[in-house]
Structure formats: structure tokens, C-alpha cells
Amino acid sequence: MNSFSKIIQIRWSDLDPNFHLRHSVYYDWGAFCRVEFLNEQGLTADVMMQLQIGPI
């Protein structure tokens, strides 16, 4: 399998008062990257709707 990477811009709301990354942001980024990976493979939301499938 080829590697996949995305550059993600850190938002102010991703940080806690000590400027540490909030723990839940890692899950948000994982979900974002999963959808981006599918899109780059040609499995867009429109295609998934036509096929009546989707990521879990």
C-alpha cells in the first residue's frame, strides 16, 4: 500500500488554554484524512451515495 499524508492547518479551537492539542482533535483529523483518502481514490460522496455505501 502506498503511503498517504495530508497537511492539516491547526486551528485556534484545536488548542487548549495551554496551547496543547485537545485530545479529541486527533479523532477529528483521522476522520478528515479518511474522507480525503477516499476522495483521492475516486470514492467521493456522490459515488458512495449512488452505490449506497459509506465509511463506518
PDB file of N, CA and C in Angstrom:
ATOM      1  N   MET A   1       0.848  -1.174   0.000  1.00  0.00           N
ATOM      2  CA  MET A   1       0.000   0.000   0.000  1.00  0.00           C
ATOM      3  C   MET A   1       0.894   1.238   0.000  1.00  0.00           C
ATOM      4  N   ASN A   2       0.534   2.199  -0.790  1.00  0.00           N
ATOM      5  CA  ASN A   2       1.270   3.463  -0.829  1.00  0.00           C
ATOM      6  C   ASN A   2       0.960   4.282   0.418  1.00  0.00           C
ATOM      7  N   SER A   3       1.886   5.127   0.778  1.00  0.00           N
ATOM      8  CA  SER A   3       1.640   5.992   1.935  1.00  0.00           C
ATOM      9  C   SER A   3       0.698   7.127   1.532  1.00  0.00           C
ATOM     10  N   PHE A   4       0.012   7.669   2.506  1.00  0.00           N
ATOM     11  CA  PHE A   4      -0.917   8.772   2.294  1.00  0.00           C
ATOM     12  C   PHE A   4      -0.677   9.779   3.403  1.00  0.00           C
ATOM     13  N   SER A   5      -0.553  11.034   3.034  1.00  0.00           N
ATOM     14  CA  SER A   5      -0.373  12.072   4.051  1.00  0.00           C
ATOM     15  C   SER A   5      -1.115  13.327   3.630  1.00  0.00           C
ATOM     16  N   LYS A   6      -1.481  14.114   4.608  1.00  0.00           N
ATOM     17  CA  LYS A   6      -2.164  15.385   4.395  1.00  0.00           C
ATOM     18  C   LYS A   6      -1.578  16.404   5.354  1.00  0.00           C
ATOM     19  N   ILE A   7      -1.412  17.614   4.890  1.00  0.00           N
ATOM     20  CA  ILE A   7      -1.012  18.709   5.772  1.00  0.00           C
ATOM     21  C   ILE A   7      -2.290  19.321   6.330  1.00  0.00           C
ATOM     22  N   ILE A   8      -2.347  19.414   7.638  1.00  0.00           N
ATOM     23  CA  ILE A   8      -3.545  19.926   8.299  1.00  0.00           C
ATOM     24  C   ILE A   8      -3.176  21.209   9.027  1.00  0.00           C
ATOM     25  N   GLN A   9      -3.947  22.237   8.793  1.00  0.00           N
ATOM     26  CA  GLN A   9      -3.704  23.506   9.476  1.00  0.00           C
ATOM     27  C   GLN A   9      -4.338  23.446  10.863  1.00  0.00           C
ATOM     28  N   ILE A  10      -3.546  23.747  11.872  1.00  0.00           N
ATOM     29  CA  ILE A  10      -4.053  23.750  13.239  1.00  0.00           C
ATOM     30  C   ILE A  10      -4.854  25.023  13.456  1.00  0.00           C
ATOM     31  N   ARG A  11      -6.071  24.855  13.944  1.00  0.00           N
ATOM     32  CA  ARG A  11      -6.942  25.991  14.232  1.00  0.00           C
ATOM     33  C   ARG A  11      -6.808  26.379  15.700  1.00  0.00           C
ATOM     34  N   TRP A  12      -7.134  27.595  15.996  1.00  0.00           N
ATOM     35  CA  TRP A  12      -7.083  28.064  17.372  1.00  0.00           C
ATOM     36  C   TRP A  12      -7.974  27.199  18.255  1.00  0.00           C
ATOM     37  N   SER A  13      -9.128  26.794  17.747  1.00  0.00           N
ATOM     38  CA  SER A  13     -10.070  25.994  18.533  1.00  0.00           C
ATOM     39  C   SER A  13      -9.572  24.576  18.785  1.00  0.00           C
ATOM     40  N   ASP A  14      -8.504  24.146  18.114  1.00  0.00           N
ATOM     41  CA  ASP A  14      -7.924  22.820  18.333  1.00  0.00           C
ATOM     42  C   ASP A  14      -7.060  22.776  19.591  1.00  0.00           C
ATOM     43  N   LEU A  15      -6.769  23.924  20.153  1.00  0.00           N
ATOM     44  CA  LEU A  15      -5.835  24.015  21.271  1.00  0.00           C
ATOM     45  C   LEU A  15      -6.558  24.257  22.588  1.00  0.00           C
ATOM     46  N   ASP A  16      -5.958  23.750  23.671  1.00  0.00           N
ATOM     47  CA  ASP A  16      -6.482  24.038  24.997  1.00  0.00           C
ATOM     48  C   ASP A  16      -5.840  25.335  25.503  1.00  0.00           C
ATOM     49  N   PRO A  17      -6.202  25.781  26.714  1.00  0.00           N
ATOM     50  CA  PRO A  17      -5.638  27.046  27.216  1.00  0.00           C
ATOM     51  C   PRO A  17      -4.114  27.060  27.329  1.00  0.00           C
ATOM     52  N   ASN A  18      -3.491  25.877  27.402  1.00  0.00           N
ATOM     53  CA  ASN A  18      -2.028  25.804  27.481  1.00  0.00           C
ATOM     54  C   ASN A  18      -1.380  25.632  26.114  1.00  0.00           C
ATOM     55  N   PHE A  19      -2.173  25.790  25.067  1.00  0.00           N
ATOM     56  CA  PHE A  19      -1.718  25.632  23.684  1.00  0.00           C
ATOM     57  C   PHE A  19      -1.249  24.211  23.380  1.00  0.00           C
ATOM     58  N   HIS A  20      -1.855  23.244  24.071  1.00  0.00           N
ATOM     59  CA  HIS A  20      -1.662  21.835  23.733  1.00  0.00           C
ATOM     60  C   HIS A  20      -2.838  21.413  22.865  1.00  0.00           C
ATOM     61  N   LEU A  21      -2.594  20.475  22.001  1.00  0.00           N
ATOM     62  CA  LEU A  21      -3.661  19.983  21.132  1.00  0.00           C
ATOM     63  C   LEU A  21      -4.691  19.222  21.962  1.00  0.00           C
ATOM     64  N   ARG A  22      -5.962  19.561  21.801  1.00  0.00           N
ATOM     65  CA  ARG A  22      -7.021  18.841  22.513  1.00  0.00           C
ATOM     66  C   ARG A  22      -7.026  17.380  22.075  1.00  0.00           C
ATOM     67  N   HIS A  23      -7.304  16.471  23.009  1.00  0.00           N
ATOM     68  CA  HIS A  23      -7.247  15.039  22.702  1.00  0.00           C
ATOM     69  C   HIS A  23      -8.229  14.639  21.604  1.00  0.00           C
ATOM     70  N   SER A  24      -9.390  15.254  21.547  1.00  0.00           N
ATOM     71  CA  SER A  24     -10.407  14.860  20.565  1.00  0.00           C
ATOM     72  C   SER A  24     -10.060  15.293  19.141  1.00  0.00           C
ATOM     73  N   VAL A  25      -9.127  16.214  18.995  1.00  0.00           N
ATOM     74  CA  VAL A  25      -8.754  16.703  17.668  1.00  0.00           C
ATOM     75  C   VAL A  25      -8.109  15.599  16.841  1.00  0.00           C
ATOM     76  N   TYR A  26      -7.386  14.694  17.490  1.00  0.00           N
ATOM     77  CA  TYR A  26      -6.765  13.588  16.759  1.00  0.00           C
ATOM     78  C   TYR A  26      -7.825  12.747  16.044  1.00  0.00           C
ATOM     79  N   TYR A  27      -8.970  12.534  16.703  1.00  0.00           N
ATOM     80  CA  TYR A  27     -10.056  11.780  16.080  1.00  0.00           C
ATOM     81  C   TYR A  27     -10.654  12.561  14.910  1.00  0.00           C
ATOM     82  N   ASP A  28     -10.810  13.871  15.092  1.00  0.00           N
ATOM     83  CA  ASP A  28     -11.326  14.715  14.006  1.00  0.00           C
ATOM     84  C   ASP A  28     -10.405  14.658  12.797  1.00  0.00           C
ATOM     85  N   TRP A  29      -9.114  14.731  13.032  1.00  0.00           N
ATOM     86  CA  TRP A  29      -8.150  14.682  11.930  1.00  0.00           C
ATOM     87  C   TRP A  29      -8.164  13.319  11.255  1.00  0.00           C
ATOM     88  N   GLY A  30      -8.318  12.268  12.042  1.00  0.00           N
ATOM     89  CA  GLY A  30      -8.403  10.926  11.466  1.00  0.00           C
ATOM     90  C   GLY A  30      -9.597  10.795  10.540  1.00  0.00           C
ATOM     91  N   ALA A  31     -10.746  11.309  10.968  1.00  0.00           N
ATOM     92  CA  ALA A  31     -11.945  11.266  10.132  1.00  0.00           C
ATOM     93  C   ALA A  31     -11.754  12.106   8.872  1.00  0.00           C
ATOM     94  N   PHE A  32     -11.145  13.271   9.010  1.00  0.00           N
ATOM     95  CA  PHE A  32     -10.883  14.134   7.863  1.00  0.00           C
ATOM     96  C   PHE A  32      -9.977  13.435   6.850  1.00  0.00           C
ATOM     97  N   CYS A  33      -8.902  12.841   7.347  1.00  0.00           N
ATOM     98  CA  CYS A  33      -7.952  12.172   6.443  1.00  0.00           C
ATOM     99  C   CYS A  33      -8.573  10.951   5.775  1.00  0.00           C
ATOM    100  N   ARG A  34      -9.431  10.246   6.489  1.00  0.00           N
ATOM    101  CA  ARG A  34     -10.109   9.087   5.897  1.00  0.00           C
ATOM    102  C   ARG A  34     -10.942   9.520   4.693  1.00  0.00           C
ATOM    103  N   VAL A  35     -11.710  10.586   4.838  1.00  0.00           N
ATOM    104  CA  VAL A  35     -12.548  11.073   3.741  1.00  0.00           C
ATOM    105  C   VAL A  35     -11.687  11.607   2.604  1.00  0.00           C
ATOM    106  N   GLU A  36     -10.613  12.316   2.928  1.00  0.00           N
ATOM    107  CA  GLU A  36      -9.712  12.818   1.890  1.00  0.00           C
ATOM    108  C   GLU A  36      -9.073  11.673   1.113  1.00  0.00           C
ATOM    109  N   PHE A  37      -8.692  10.613   1.810  1.00  0.00           N
ATOM    110  CA  PHE A  37      -8.117   9.443   1.145  1.00  0.00           C
ATOM    111  C   PHE A  37      -9.127   8.835   0.178  1.00  0.00           C
ATOM    112  N   LEU A  38     -10.358   8.653   0.634  1.00  0.00           N
ATOM    113  CA  LEU A  38     -11.392   8.086  -0.235  1.00  0.00           C
ATOM    114  C   LEU A  38     -11.635   8.976  -1.448  1.00  0.00           C
ATOM    115  N   ASN A  39     -11.695  10.278  -1.231  1.00  0.00           N
ATOM    116  CA  ASN A  39     -11.892  11.210  -2.345  1.00  0.00           C
ATOM    117  C   ASN A  39     -10.771  11.102  -3.369  1.00  0.00           C
ATOM    118  N   GLU A  40      -9.535  11.017  -2.897  1.00  0.00           N
ATOM    119  CA  GLU A  40      -8.399  10.925  -3.822  1.00  0.00           C
ATOM    120  C   GLU A  40      -8.374   9.597  -4.573  1.00  0.00           C
ATOM    121  N   GLN A  41      -9.050   8.594  -4.033  1.00  0.00           N
ATOM    122  CA  GLN A  41      -9.142   7.304  -4.716  1.00  0.00           C
ATOM    123  C   GLN A  41     -10.349   7.257  -5.657  1.00  0.00           C
ATOM    124  N   GLY A  42     -11.088   8.372  -5.744  1.00  0.00           N
ATOM    125  CA  GLY A  42     -12.246   8.447  -6.625  1.00  0.00           C
ATOM    126  C   GLY A  42     -13.546   8.033  -5.970  1.00  0.00           C
ATOM    127  N   LEU A  43     -13.506   7.746  -4.693  1.00  0.00           N
ATOM    128  CA  LEU A  43     -14.711   7.330  -3.981  1.00  0.00           C
ATOM    129  C   LEU A  43     -15.282   8.540  -3.248  1.00  0.00           C
ATOM    130  N   THR A  44     -15.911   9.417  -4.023  1.00  0.00           N
ATOM    131  CA  THR A  44     -16.468  10.657  -3.477  1.00  0.00           C
ATOM    132  C   THR A  44     -17.816  10.388  -2.820  1.00  0.00           C
ATOM    133  N   ALA A  45     -18.346  11.388  -2.152  1.00  0.00           N
ATOM    134  CA  ALA A  45     -19.653  11.257  -1.509  1.00  0.00           C
ATOM    135  C   ALA A  45     -20.728  10.929  -2.538  1.00  0.00           C
ATOM    136  N   ASP A  46     -20.660  11.532  -3.720  1.00  0.00           N
ATOM    137  CA  ASP A  46     -21.647  11.242  -4.766  1.00  0.00           C
ATOM    138  C   ASP A  46     -21.588   9.785  -5.197  1.00  0.00           C
ATOM    139  N   VAL A  47     -20.389   9.264  -5.381  1.00  0.00           N
ATOM    140  CA  VAL A  47     -20.226   7.864  -5.785  1.00  0.00           C
ATOM    141  C   VAL A  47     -20.749   6.942  -4.692  1.00  0.00           C
ATOM    142  N   MET A  48     -20.421   7.236  -3.443  1.00  0.00           N
ATOM    143  CA  MET A  48     -20.892   6.389  -2.342  1.00  0.00           C
ATOM    144  C   MET A  48     -22.410   6.413  -2.232  1.00  0.00           C
ATOM    145  N   MET A  49     -23.027   7.570  -2.492  1.00  0.00           N
ATOM    146  CA  MET A  49     -24.489   7.642  -2.457  1.00  0.00           C
ATOM    147  C   MET A  49     -25.097   6.796  -3.565  1.00  0.00           C
ATOM    148  N   GLN A  50     -24.505   6.832  -4.750  1.00  0.00           N
ATOM    149  CA  GLN A  50     -25.007   6.016  -5.857  1.00  0.00           C
ATOM    150  C   GLN A  50     -24.868   4.530  -5.557  1.00  0.00           C
ATOM    151  N   LEU A  51     -23.776   4.151  -4.917  1.00  0.00           N
ATOM    152  CA  LEU A  51     -23.529   2.746  -4.588  1.00  0.00           C
ATOM    153  C   LEU A  51     -24.200   2.322  -3.284  1.00  0.00           C
ATOM    154  N   GLN A  52     -24.781   3.286  -2.592  1.00  0.00           N
ATOM    155  CA  GLN A  52     -25.423   3.067  -1.297  1.00  0.00           C
ATOM    156  C   GLN A  52     -24.462   2.425  -0.297  1.00  0.00           C
ATOM    157  N   ILE A  53     -23.253   2.981  -0.255  1.00  0.00           N
ATOM    158  CA  ILE A  53     -22.250   2.543   0.709  1.00  0.00           C
ATOM    159  C   ILE A  53     -21.662   3.772   1.385  1.00  0.00           C
ATOM    160  N   GLY A  54     -20.908   3.558   2.415  1.00  0.00           N
ATOM    161  CA  GLY A  54     -20.235   4.667   3.067  1.00  0.00           C
ATOM    162  C   GLY A  54     -19.273   4.168   4.117  1.00  0.00           C
ATOM    163  N   PRO A  55     -18.360   5.030   4.529  1.00  0.00           N
ATOM    164  CA  PRO A  55     -17.399   4.629   5.557  1.00  0.00           C
ATOM    165  C   PRO A  55     -18.084   4.499   6.915  1.00  0.00           C
ATOM    166  N   ILE A  56     -17.521   3.667   7.741  1.00  0.00           N
ATOM    167  CA  ILE A  56     -18.081   3.478   9.087  1.00  0.00           C
ATOM    168  C   ILE A  56     -17.221   4.237  10.063  1.00  0.00           C
TER     169      ILE A  56
END
